[in-house]
Amino acid sequence: MIKIYHNPRCSKSREGLCTLQDLNQKVEIINYIENPLTFNELKRLIALLKIKPIELVRTKESIWKEQFKDKNLTDEEIIEAMVTHPKLIERPIVVNGNKAVIARPIEKIDEII
């Protein structure tokens, strides 16, 4: 089953969910804003995405700019910031088995279906 880490207030996230539903895929929706990810869950997602933690951060968010931008953070501290402030997590993230993408643009979903 495909998982989408979803923020319903985000238009790109809603678009990603619609794309998966249009493809008649069974989808598990994980609203990570209401149910924040743990440190280990986020670390596992980053490993699946094959990126550095900073690449998952929405660096234009005011929380990032105000609290973290000019700090020299370790990967663990960056992950901890996303655990504490889930709004900082780029979205949507789509996982299919052991493959994952940040679905921006939405067409990236095609890479793992």
C-alpha atoms as a PDB file:
ATOM      1  CA  MET A   1       0.000   0.000   0.000  1.00  0.00           C
ATOM      2  CA  ILE A   2       1.187   3.491  -0.840  1.00  0.00           C
ATOM      3  CA  LYS A   3       1.562   6.011   1.977  1.00  0.00           C
ATOM      4  CA  ILE A   4       1.258   9.753   1.643  1.00  0.00           C
ATOM      5  CA  TYR A   5       2.527  12.031   4.380  1.00  0.00           C
ATOM      6  CA  HIS A   6      -0.112  14.653   3.983  1.00  0.00           C
ATOM      7  CA  ASN A   7      -0.951  18.148   5.188  1.00  0.00           C
ATOM      8  CA  PRO A   8      -4.577  18.788   4.169  1.00  0.00           C
ATOM      9  CA  ARG A   9      -4.038  22.564   4.329  1.00  0.00           C
ATOM     10  CA  CYS A  10      -1.396  22.372   1.572  1.00  0.00           C
ATOM     11  CA  SER A  11      -2.608  22.548  -2.038  1.00  0.00           C
ATOM     12  CA  LYS A  12       0.358  20.498  -3.332  1.00  0.00           C
ATOM     13  CA  SER A  13      -0.344  17.824  -0.750  1.00  0.00           C
ATOM     14  CA  ARG A  14      -4.034  17.700  -1.727  1.00  0.00           C
ATOM     15  CA  GLU A  15      -3.000  17.517  -5.380  1.00  0.00           C
ATOM     16  CA  GLY A  16      -0.688  14.592  -4.619  1.00  0.00           C
ATOM     17  CA  LEU A  17      -3.458  12.721  -2.832  1.00  0.00           C
ATOM     18  CA  CYS A  18      -5.847  13.303  -5.752  1.00  0.00           C
ATOM     19  CA  THR A  19      -3.211  12.034  -8.186  1.00  0.00           C
ATOM     20  CA  LEU A  20      -2.820   8.807  -6.213  1.00  0.00           C
ATOM     21  CA  GLN A  21      -6.586   8.348  -5.962  1.00  0.00           C
ATOM     22  CA  ASP A  22      -6.956   8.999  -9.708  1.00  0.00           C
ATOM     23  CA  LEU A  23      -4.456   6.184 -10.303  1.00  0.00           C
ATOM     24  CA  ASN A  24      -6.758   3.875  -8.317  1.00  0.00           C
ATOM     25  CA  GLN A  25      -4.030   3.252  -5.756  1.00  0.00           C
ATOM     26  CA  LYS A  26      -4.820   2.105  -2.230  1.00  0.00           C
ATOM     27  CA  VAL A  27      -3.508   4.949  -0.122  1.00  0.00           C
ATOM     28  CA  GLU A  28      -2.754   5.235   3.571  1.00  0.00           C
ATOM     29  CA  ILE A  29      -3.015   8.905   4.482  1.00  0.00           C
ATOM     30  CA  ILE A  30      -0.737  10.050   7.294  1.00  0.00           C
ATOM     31  CA  ASN A  31      -1.629  13.513   8.532  1.00  0.00           C
ATOM     32  CA  TYR A  32       1.728  14.338  10.092  1.00  0.00           C
ATOM     33  CA  ILE A  33       0.460  17.699  11.357  1.00  0.00           C
ATOM     34  CA  GLU A  34      -2.190  16.096  13.602  1.00  0.00           C
ATOM     35  CA  ASN A  35      -0.041  13.027  14.339  1.00  0.00           C
ATOM     36  CA  PRO A  36       3.577  14.231  14.367  1.00  0.00           C
ATOM     37  CA  LEU A  37       6.273  11.827  13.293  1.00  0.00           C
ATOM     38  CA  THR A  38       8.781  10.533  15.813  1.00  0.00           C
ATOM     39  CA  PHE A  39      12.496  11.158  15.417  1.00  0.00           C
ATOM     40  CA  ASN A  40      13.033   7.573  14.203  1.00  0.00           C
ATOM     41  CA  GLU A  41      10.113   7.693  11.752  1.00  0.00           C
ATOM     42  CA  LEU A  42      11.466  10.893  10.246  1.00  0.00           C
ATOM     43  CA  LYS A  43      14.997   9.501  10.102  1.00  0.00           C
ATOM     44  CA  ARG A  44      13.695   6.411   8.263  1.00  0.00           C
ATOM     45  CA  LEU A  45      11.778   8.585   5.778  1.00  0.00           C
ATOM     46  CA  ILE A  46      14.897  10.652   5.081  1.00  0.00           C
ATOM     47  CA  ALA A  47      16.847   7.451   4.439  1.00  0.00           C
ATOM     48  CA  LEU A  48      14.137   6.227   2.009  1.00  0.00           C
ATOM     49  CA  LEU A  49      14.228   9.587   0.221  1.00  0.00           C
ATOM     50  CA  LYS A  50      18.042   9.331  -0.006  1.00  0.00           C
ATOM     51  CA  ILE A  51      18.475  12.966   0.973  1.00  0.00           C
ATOM     52  CA  LYS A  52      20.082  14.977   3.731  1.00  0.00           C
ATOM     53  CA  PRO A  53      17.707  16.166   6.479  1.00  0.00           C
ATOM     54  CA  ILE A  54      18.059  19.819   5.419  1.00  0.00           C
ATOM     55  CA  GLU A  55      16.626  18.877   1.999  1.00  0.00           C
ATOM     56  CA  LEU A  56      13.320  17.979   3.688  1.00  0.00           C
ATOM     57  CA  VAL A  57      13.031  21.334   5.469  1.00  0.00           C
ATOM     58  CA  ARG A  58      10.744  24.085   4.235  1.00  0.00           C
ATOM     59  CA  THR A  59      13.375  26.788   4.740  1.00  0.00           C
ATOM     60  CA  LYS A  60      11.021  29.600   3.746  1.00  0.00           C
ATOM     61  CA  GLU A  61       8.709  28.930   6.705  1.00  0.00           C
ATOM     62  CA  SER A  62       8.803  31.693   9.303  1.00  0.00           C
ATOM     63  CA  ILE A  63       9.548  29.176  12.083  1.00  0.00           C
ATOM     64  CA  TRP A  64      12.741  28.155  10.255  1.00  0.00           C
ATOM     65  CA  LYS A  65      13.790  31.716   9.498  1.00  0.00           C
ATOM     66  CA  GLU A  66      13.162  32.910  13.059  1.00  0.00           C
ATOM     67  CA  GLN A  67      14.543  29.974  15.042  1.00  0.00           C
ATOM     68  CA  PHE A  68      16.996  27.965  12.963  1.00  0.00           C
ATOM     69  CA  LYS A  69      18.196  29.722   9.792  1.00  0.00           C
ATOM     70  CA  ASP A  70      21.561  31.066  10.890  1.00  0.00           C
ATOM     71  CA  LYS A  71      22.482  28.201  13.209  1.00  0.00           C
ATOM     72  CA  ASN A  72      25.008  25.518  12.357  1.00  0.00           C
ATOM     73  CA  LEU A  73      22.789  22.489  13.061  1.00  0.00           C
ATOM     74  CA  THR A  74      23.703  18.811  12.978  1.00  0.00           C
ATOM     75  CA  ASP A  75      21.516  16.402  10.997  1.00  0.00           C
ATOM     76  CA  GLU A  76      20.024  15.206  14.296  1.00  0.00           C
ATOM     77  CA  GLU A  77      19.176  18.774  15.346  1.00  0.00           C
ATOM     78  CA  ILE A  78      17.511  19.409  11.978  1.00  0.00           C
ATOM     79  CA  ILE A  79      15.419  16.244  12.359  1.00  0.00           C
ATOM     80  CA  GLU A  80      14.528  17.284  15.917  1.00  0.00           C
ATOM     81  CA  ALA A  81      13.387  20.693  14.606  1.00  0.00           C
ATOM     82  CA  MET A  82      11.039  18.942  12.152  1.00  0.00           C
ATOM     83  CA  VAL A  83       9.730  16.645  14.905  1.00  0.00           C
ATOM     84  CA  THR A  84       9.015  19.672  17.100  1.00  0.00           C
ATOM     85  CA  HIS A  85       7.618  21.767  14.224  1.00  0.00           C
ATOM     86  CA  PRO A  86       5.992  19.390  11.672  1.00  0.00           C
ATOM     87  CA  LYS A  87       5.027  22.380   9.520  1.00  0.00           C
ATOM     88  CA  LEU A  88       8.707  22.509   8.507  1.00  0.00           C
ATOM     89  CA  ILE A  89       8.466  19.181   6.665  1.00  0.00           C
ATOM     90  CA  GLU A  90       8.307  19.445   2.874  1.00  0.00           C
ATOM     91  CA  ARG A  91       5.186  17.872   1.420  1.00  0.00           C
ATOM     92  CA  PRO A  92       3.747  15.696   0.182  1.00  0.00           C
ATOM     93  CA  ILE A  93       5.985  12.690   0.751  1.00  0.00           C
ATOM     94  CA  VAL A  94       4.842   9.558  -1.049  1.00  0.00           C
ATOM     95  CA  VAL A  95       6.179   6.119  -0.113  1.00  0.00           C
ATOM     96  CA  ASN A  96       5.720   2.920  -2.096  1.00  0.00           C
ATOM     97  CA  GLY A  97       7.509   0.011  -0.439  1.00  0.00           C
ATOM     98  CA  ASN A  98      11.172   0.944  -0.152  1.00  0.00           C
ATOM     99  CA  LYS A  99      10.909   3.906  -2.534  1.00  0.00           C
ATOM    100  CA  ALA A 100       9.922   7.444  -1.643  1.00  0.00           C
ATOM    101  CA  VAL A 101       9.718  10.894  -3.224  1.00  0.00           C
ATOM    102  CA  ILE A 102       8.879  14.405  -2.236  1.00  0.00           C
ATOM    103  CA  ALA A 103       6.098  14.864  -4.779  1.00  0.00           C
ATOM    104  CA  ARG A 104       7.010  18.387  -5.921  1.00  0.00           C
ATOM    105  CA  PRO A 105       6.279  18.488  -8.752  1.00  0.00           C
ATOM    106  CA  ILE A 106       3.428  15.986  -8.555  1.00  0.00           C
ATOM    107  CA  GLU A 107       4.823  14.088 -11.570  1.00  0.00           C
ATOM    108  CA  LYS A 108       7.561  12.713  -9.280  1.00  0.00           C
ATOM    109  CA  ILE A 109       4.938  10.233  -8.016  1.00  0.00           C
ATOM    110  CA  ASP A 110       5.302   8.438 -11.360  1.00  0.00           C
ATOM    111  CA  GLU A 111       8.894   7.532 -10.399  1.00  0.00           C
ATOM    112  CA  ILE A 112       7.729   5.168  -7.644  1.00  0.00           C
ATOM    113  CA  ILE A 113       4.407   3.770  -8.916  1.00  0.00           C
END
